[in-house]
């Protein structure tokens, strides 16, 4: 079987994941056009985040930030164990983008746009990058499973690949937790608490 089919080039996969997220953001903005403005501002989560930061409840901000992106990262991890989940891995980044598109529109409709953007964008962009890295790892492992399914290739090395895969996702989860902690700290700084 052709090696290019079984092991796609990283650059093209990275571009596909970025395009998927960008298409999701665009779709989110378009879908939110007919939504109520007050609902959009509320859905962005920025007013609540800044209010929590002003009250000193940074742990709740951390948990909220980490849980949202963490669940998507967990889904990417699990999708890696399926030989035919490559489309779902691309859709996962598009789904993240869809949510961000709706939230970005809510941020722009709210009060103090610059303050809201500063509270929203850094974590949104960085956590989406972490999710894209996770989706890339999941894509690679699912392609490996696909190659094992359609060839008589030696399956003895898969145990080491799964161990490395799990270690990379643990690193991504720790990175996401650090970013969520930074998000809570940034919200505290912006709120002036």
C-alpha atoms as a PDB file:
ATOM      1  CA  UNK A   1       0.000   0.000   0.000  1.00  0.00           C
ATOM      2  CA  UNK A   2       1.188   3.496  -0.744  1.00  0.00           C
ATOM      3  CA  UNK A   3       3.002   5.024   2.264  1.00  0.00           C
ATOM      4  CA  UNK A   4       1.637   8.515   1.498  1.00  0.00           C
ATOM      5  CA  UNK A   5      -1.896   7.224   1.965  1.00  0.00           C
ATOM      6  CA  UNK A   6      -1.131   5.509   5.276  1.00  0.00           C
ATOM      7  CA  UNK A   7       1.019   8.293   6.707  1.00  0.00           C
ATOM      8  CA  UNK A   8      -0.320  11.671   5.551  1.00  0.00           C
ATOM      9  CA  UNK A   9       2.075  14.583   5.575  1.00  0.00           C
ATOM     10  CA  UNK A  10       1.896  16.567   8.816  1.00  0.00           C
ATOM     11  CA  UNK A  11       1.760  19.918   7.046  1.00  0.00           C
ATOM     12  CA  UNK A  12      -1.333  18.996   5.049  1.00  0.00           C
ATOM     13  CA  UNK A  13      -2.988  17.529   8.153  1.00  0.00           C
ATOM     14  CA  UNK A  14      -2.218  20.686  10.141  1.00  0.00           C
ATOM     15  CA  UNK A  15      -3.681  22.798   7.357  1.00  0.00           C
ATOM     16  CA  UNK A  16      -6.778  20.588   7.214  1.00  0.00           C
ATOM     17  CA  UNK A  17      -7.292  20.953  10.976  1.00  0.00           C
ATOM     18  CA  UNK A  18      -6.804  24.732  10.813  1.00  0.00           C
ATOM     19  CA  UNK A  19      -9.213  25.033   7.886  1.00  0.00           C
ATOM     20  CA  UNK A  20     -11.711  22.858   9.749  1.00  0.00           C
ATOM     21  CA  UNK A  21     -11.559  25.164  12.784  1.00  0.00           C
ATOM     22  CA  UNK A  22     -11.815  28.271  10.584  1.00  0.00           C
ATOM     23  CA  UNK A  23     -14.838  26.857   8.753  1.00  0.00           C
ATOM     24  CA  UNK A  24     -16.401  26.122  12.141  1.00  0.00           C
ATOM     25  CA  UNK A  25     -15.820  29.692  13.345  1.00  0.00           C
ATOM     26  CA  UNK A  26     -17.331  31.072  10.151  1.00  0.00           C
ATOM     27  CA  UNK A  27     -20.337  28.755  10.441  1.00  0.00           C
ATOM     28  CA  UNK A  28     -20.775  29.765  14.088  1.00  0.00           C
ATOM     29  CA  UNK A  29     -20.838  33.447  13.207  1.00  0.00           C
ATOM     30  CA  UNK A  30     -23.311  32.835  10.364  1.00  0.00           C
ATOM     31  CA  UNK A  31     -25.581  30.676  12.536  1.00  0.00           C
ATOM     32  CA  UNK A  32     -25.604  33.298  15.273  1.00  0.00           C
ATOM     33  CA  UNK A  33     -26.831  36.106  13.007  1.00  0.00           C
ATOM     34  CA  UNK A  34     -30.509  35.514  13.818  1.00  0.00           C
ATOM     35  CA  UNK A  35     -29.975  34.817  17.520  1.00  0.00           C
ATOM     36  CA  UNK A  36     -30.981  37.178  20.311  1.00  0.00           C
ATOM     37  CA  UNK A  37     -28.161  39.589  21.194  1.00  0.00           C
ATOM     38  CA  UNK A  38     -28.587  39.193  24.956  1.00  0.00           C
ATOM     39  CA  UNK A  39     -28.391  35.405  24.583  1.00  0.00           C
ATOM     40  CA  UNK A  40     -25.232  35.683  22.512  1.00  0.00           C
ATOM     41  CA  UNK A  41     -23.551  37.922  25.083  1.00  0.00           C
ATOM     42  CA  UNK A  42     -24.511  35.450  27.799  1.00  0.00           C
ATOM     43  CA  UNK A  43     -23.318  32.467  25.733  1.00  0.00           C
ATOM     44  CA  UNK A  44     -19.895  34.050  25.285  1.00  0.00           C
ATOM     45  CA  UNK A  45     -19.371  33.588  29.022  1.00  0.00           C
ATOM     46  CA  UNK A  46     -17.206  36.684  29.340  1.00  0.00           C
ATOM     47  CA  UNK A  47     -19.504  38.724  31.630  1.00  0.00           C
ATOM     48  CA  UNK A  48     -19.841  35.742  33.967  1.00  0.00           C
ATOM     49  CA  UNK A  49     -16.095  35.065  33.870  1.00  0.00           C
ATOM     50  CA  UNK A  50     -15.250  38.659  34.764  1.00  0.00           C
ATOM     51  CA  UNK A  51     -17.892  38.717  37.523  1.00  0.00           C
ATOM     52  CA  UNK A  52     -16.461  35.500  38.994  1.00  0.00           C
ATOM     53  CA  UNK A  53     -12.961  36.961  38.808  1.00  0.00           C
ATOM     54  CA  UNK A  54     -14.115  40.134  40.559  1.00  0.00           C
ATOM     55  CA  UNK A  55     -15.561  37.958  43.338  1.00  0.00           C
ATOM     56  CA  UNK A  56     -12.279  36.050  43.656  1.00  0.00           C
ATOM     57  CA  UNK A  57     -13.751  32.757  42.448  1.00  0.00           C
ATOM     58  CA  UNK A  58     -10.845  31.909  40.154  1.00  0.00           C
ATOM     59  CA  UNK A  59     -11.170  28.151  40.780  1.00  0.00           C
ATOM     60  CA  UNK A  60     -14.591  28.148  39.136  1.00  0.00           C
ATOM     61  CA  UNK A  61     -13.156  29.996  36.136  1.00  0.00           C
ATOM     62  CA  UNK A  62     -10.341  27.444  35.932  1.00  0.00           C
ATOM     63  CA  UNK A  63     -12.726  24.489  36.112  1.00  0.00           C
ATOM     64  CA  UNK A  64     -15.095  25.968  33.535  1.00  0.00           C
ATOM     65  CA  UNK A  65     -12.298  26.736  31.105  1.00  0.00           C
ATOM     66  CA  UNK A  66     -10.589  23.382  31.556  1.00  0.00           C
ATOM     67  CA  UNK A  67     -13.773  21.312  31.408  1.00  0.00           C
ATOM     68  CA  UNK A  68     -14.972  22.674  28.069  1.00  0.00           C
ATOM     69  CA  UNK A  69     -11.755  22.127  26.139  1.00  0.00           C
ATOM     70  CA  UNK A  70     -10.813  19.089  28.237  1.00  0.00           C
ATOM     71  CA  UNK A  71     -13.910  17.167  27.166  1.00  0.00           C
ATOM     72  CA  UNK A  72     -13.094  17.794  23.521  1.00  0.00           C
ATOM     73  CA  UNK A  73      -9.502  16.699  24.126  1.00  0.00           C
ATOM     74  CA  UNK A  74     -10.786  13.506  25.769  1.00  0.00           C
ATOM     75  CA  UNK A  75     -13.039  12.884  22.769  1.00  0.00           C
ATOM     76  CA  UNK A  76     -10.038  13.302  20.446  1.00  0.00           C
ATOM     77  CA  UNK A  77      -8.070  10.832  22.584  1.00  0.00           C
ATOM     78  CA  UNK A  78     -10.806   8.222  22.335  1.00  0.00           C
ATOM     79  CA  UNK A  79     -11.298   8.778  18.597  1.00  0.00           C
ATOM     80  CA  UNK A  80      -7.668   7.832  18.038  1.00  0.00           C
ATOM     81  CA  UNK A  81      -8.467   4.209  18.874  1.00  0.00           C
ATOM     82  CA  UNK A  82     -10.872   3.847  15.943  1.00  0.00           C
ATOM     83  CA  UNK A  83      -9.550   2.963  12.497  1.00  0.00           C
ATOM     84  CA  UNK A  84     -12.160   5.030  10.642  1.00  0.00           C
ATOM     85  CA  UNK A  85     -12.546   8.103  12.864  1.00  0.00           C
ATOM     86  CA  UNK A  86     -10.522  10.520  10.744  1.00  0.00           C
ATOM     87  CA  UNK A  87     -13.586  12.509   9.588  1.00  0.00           C
ATOM     88  CA  UNK A  88     -14.798  12.767  13.190  1.00  0.00           C
ATOM     89  CA  UNK A  89     -11.420  14.155  14.249  1.00  0.00           C
ATOM     90  CA  UNK A  90     -11.717  16.900  11.648  1.00  0.00           C
ATOM     91  CA  UNK A  91     -15.321  17.548  12.702  1.00  0.00           C
ATOM     92  CA  UNK A  92     -14.189  17.870  16.318  1.00  0.00           C
ATOM     93  CA  UNK A  93     -12.056  20.898  15.479  1.00  0.00           C
ATOM     94  CA  UNK A  94     -14.904  22.281  13.356  1.00  0.00           C
ATOM     95  CA  UNK A  95     -17.258  21.835  16.322  1.00  0.00           C
ATOM     96  CA  UNK A  96     -14.846  23.756  18.548  1.00  0.00           C
ATOM     97  CA  UNK A  97     -14.700  26.473  15.898  1.00  0.00           C
ATOM     98  CA  UNK A  98     -18.493  26.565  15.691  1.00  0.00           C
ATOM     99  CA  UNK A  99     -18.722  27.304  19.411  1.00  0.00           C
ATOM    100  CA  UNK A 100     -16.003  29.924  19.176  1.00  0.00           C
ATOM    101  CA  UNK A 101     -17.779  31.619  16.267  1.00  0.00           C
ATOM    102  CA  UNK A 102     -20.971  31.980  18.286  1.00  0.00           C
ATOM    103  CA  UNK A 103     -19.028  33.210  21.318  1.00  0.00           C
ATOM    104  CA  UNK A 104     -16.954  35.723  19.344  1.00  0.00           C
ATOM    105  CA  UNK A 105     -20.100  37.323  18.033  1.00  0.00           C
ATOM    106  CA  UNK A 106     -21.390  37.528  21.617  1.00  0.00           C
ATOM    107  CA  UNK A 107     -18.147  39.162  22.727  1.00  0.00           C
ATOM    108  CA  UNK A 108     -18.465  41.837  20.031  1.00  0.00           C
ATOM    109  CA  UNK A 109     -22.086  42.546  20.978  1.00  0.00           C
ATOM    110  CA  UNK A 110     -21.311  43.003  24.668  1.00  0.00           C
ATOM    111  CA  UNK A 111     -20.075  46.011  26.621  1.00  0.00           C
ATOM    112  CA  UNK A 112     -16.387  46.923  26.783  1.00  0.00           C
ATOM    113  CA  UNK A 113     -15.388  44.974  23.680  1.00  0.00           C
ATOM    114  CA  UNK A 114     -11.619  45.327  24.151  1.00  0.00           C
ATOM    115  CA  UNK A 115     -11.782  44.147  27.751  1.00  0.00           C
ATOM    116  CA  UNK A 116     -14.020  41.243  26.731  1.00  0.00           C
ATOM    117  CA  UNK A 117     -11.742  40.272  23.850  1.00  0.00           C
ATOM    118  CA  UNK A 118      -8.746  40.291  26.190  1.00  0.00           C
ATOM    119  CA  UNK A 119     -10.607  37.976  28.560  1.00  0.00           C
ATOM    120  CA  UNK A 120     -11.854  35.660  25.806  1.00  0.00           C
ATOM    121  CA  UNK A 121      -9.404  35.368  22.915  1.00  0.00           C
ATOM    122  CA  UNK A 122      -6.111  34.183  24.473  1.00  0.00           C
ATOM    123  CA  UNK A 123      -7.526  31.027  26.027  1.00  0.00           C
ATOM    124  CA  UNK A 124      -9.891  30.391  23.120  1.00  0.00           C
ATOM    125  CA  UNK A 125      -7.100  30.478  20.554  1.00  0.00           C
ATOM    126  CA  UNK A 126      -4.501  28.608  22.611  1.00  0.00           C
ATOM    127  CA  UNK A 127      -6.880  25.872  23.770  1.00  0.00           C
ATOM    128  CA  UNK A 128      -8.063  25.388  20.186  1.00  0.00           C
ATOM    129  CA  UNK A 129      -4.413  24.942  19.224  1.00  0.00           C
ATOM    130  CA  UNK A 130      -4.007  22.281  21.912  1.00  0.00           C
ATOM    131  CA  UNK A 131      -7.149  20.559  20.645  1.00  0.00           C
ATOM    132  CA  UNK A 132      -5.776  20.638  17.092  1.00  0.00           C
ATOM    133  CA  UNK A 133      -2.553  19.011  18.328  1.00  0.00           C
ATOM    134  CA  UNK A 134      -4.630  16.328  20.024  1.00  0.00           C
ATOM    135  CA  UNK A 135      -6.711  15.789  16.900  1.00  0.00           C
ATOM    136  CA  UNK A 136      -3.500  15.442  14.889  1.00  0.00           C
ATOM    137  CA  UNK A 137      -2.214  12.752  17.269  1.00  0.00           C
ATOM    138  CA  UNK A 138      -5.579  10.977  17.157  1.00  0.00           C
ATOM    139  CA  UNK A 139      -5.570  11.126  13.348  1.00  0.00           C
ATOM    140  CA  UNK A 140      -2.130   9.514  13.254  1.00  0.00           C
ATOM    141  CA  UNK A 141      -3.093   6.685  15.592  1.00  0.00           C
ATOM    142  CA  UNK A 142      -6.359   5.992  13.799  1.00  0.00           C
ATOM    143  CA  UNK A 143      -4.435   5.882  10.512  1.00  0.00           C
ATOM    144  CA  UNK A 144      -2.078   3.373  12.146  1.00  0.00           C
ATOM    145  CA  UNK A 145      -5.042   1.239  13.160  1.00  0.00           C
ATOM    146  CA  UNK A 146      -6.404   1.516   9.632  1.00  0.00           C
ATOM    147  CA  UNK A 147      -3.093   0.387   8.172  1.00  0.00           C
ATOM    148  CA  UNK A 148      -3.035  -2.581  10.542  1.00  0.00           C
ATOM    149  CA  UNK A 149      -6.580  -3.466   9.519  1.00  0.00           C
ATOM    150  CA  UNK A 150      -5.945  -3.543   5.773  1.00  0.00           C
ATOM    151  CA  UNK A 151      -2.474  -5.126   5.715  1.00  0.00           C
ATOM    152  CA  UNK A 152      -0.716  -8.089   7.239  1.00  0.00           C
ATOM    153  CA  UNK A 153       1.694  -5.741   8.999  1.00  0.00           C
ATOM    154  CA  UNK A 154       3.364  -6.714  12.277  1.00  0.00           C
ATOM    155  CA  UNK A 155       1.150  -5.615  15.182  1.00  0.00           C
ATOM    156  CA  UNK A 156       3.713  -6.058  17.952  1.00  0.00           C
ATOM    157  CA  UNK A 157       4.832  -2.404  17.976  1.00  0.00           C
ATOM    158  CA  UNK A 158       1.372  -0.977  18.593  1.00  0.00           C
ATOM    159  CA  UNK A 159       1.740  -1.300  22.371  1.00  0.00           C
ATOM    160  CA  UNK A 160       4.639   1.170  22.363  1.00  0.00           C
ATOM    161  CA  UNK A 161       2.750   3.510  20.062  1.00  0.00           C
ATOM    162  CA  UNK A 162      -0.260   3.501  22.402  1.00  0.00           C
ATOM    163  CA  UNK A 163       1.998   4.212  25.396  1.00  0.00           C
ATOM    164  CA  UNK A 164       3.574   7.163  23.564  1.00  0.00           C
ATOM    165  CA  UNK A 165       0.146   8.323  22.378  1.00  0.00           C
ATOM    166  CA  UNK A 166      -1.194   8.302  25.933  1.00  0.00           C
ATOM    167  CA  UNK A 167       1.872  10.171  27.210  1.00  0.00           C
ATOM    168  CA  UNK A 168       1.454  12.862  24.548  1.00  0.00           C
ATOM    169  CA  UNK A 169      -2.203  13.322  25.503  1.00  0.00           C
ATOM    170  CA  UNK A 170      -1.295  13.581  29.185  1.00  0.00           C
ATOM    171  CA  UNK A 171       1.158  16.337  28.263  1.00  0.00           C
ATOM    172  CA  UNK A 172      -1.571  18.072  26.244  1.00  0.00           C
ATOM    173  CA  UNK A 173      -3.975  17.778  29.198  1.00  0.00           C
ATOM    174  CA  UNK A 174      -1.389  19.320  31.547  1.00  0.00           C
ATOM    175  CA  UNK A 175      -0.766  22.098  29.008  1.00  0.00           C
ATOM    176  CA  UNK A 176      -4.508  22.703  28.823  1.00  0.00           C
ATOM    177  CA  UNK A 177      -4.693  22.892  32.629  1.00  0.00           C
ATOM    178  CA  UNK A 178      -1.850  25.432  32.673  1.00  0.00           C
ATOM    179  CA  UNK A 179      -3.637  27.480  30.014  1.00  0.00           C
ATOM    180  CA  UNK A 180      -6.897  27.324  32.010  1.00  0.00           C
ATOM    181  CA  UNK A 181      -5.032  28.543  35.094  1.00  0.00           C
ATOM    182  CA  UNK A 182      -3.584  31.368  33.004  1.00  0.00           C
ATOM    183  CA  UNK A 183      -7.095  32.172  31.791  1.00  0.00           C
ATOM    184  CA  UNK A 184      -8.323  32.485  35.383  1.00  0.00           C
ATOM    185  CA  UNK A 185      -5.335  34.677  36.277  1.00  0.00           C
ATOM    186  CA  UNK A 186      -5.880  36.885  33.219  1.00  0.00           C
ATOM    187  CA  UNK A 187      -9.571  37.285  34.089  1.00  0.00           C
ATOM    188  CA  UNK A 188      -8.548  38.341  37.591  1.00  0.00           C
ATOM    189  CA  UNK A 189      -6.168  40.953  36.172  1.00  0.00           C
ATOM    190  CA  UNK A 190      -8.729  42.280  33.712  1.00  0.00           C
ATOM    191  CA  UNK A 191     -11.502  42.488  36.305  1.00  0.00           C
ATOM    192  CA  UNK A 192      -9.212  44.476  38.595  1.00  0.00           C
ATOM    193  CA  UNK A 193      -9.783  42.177  41.559  1.00  0.00           C
END
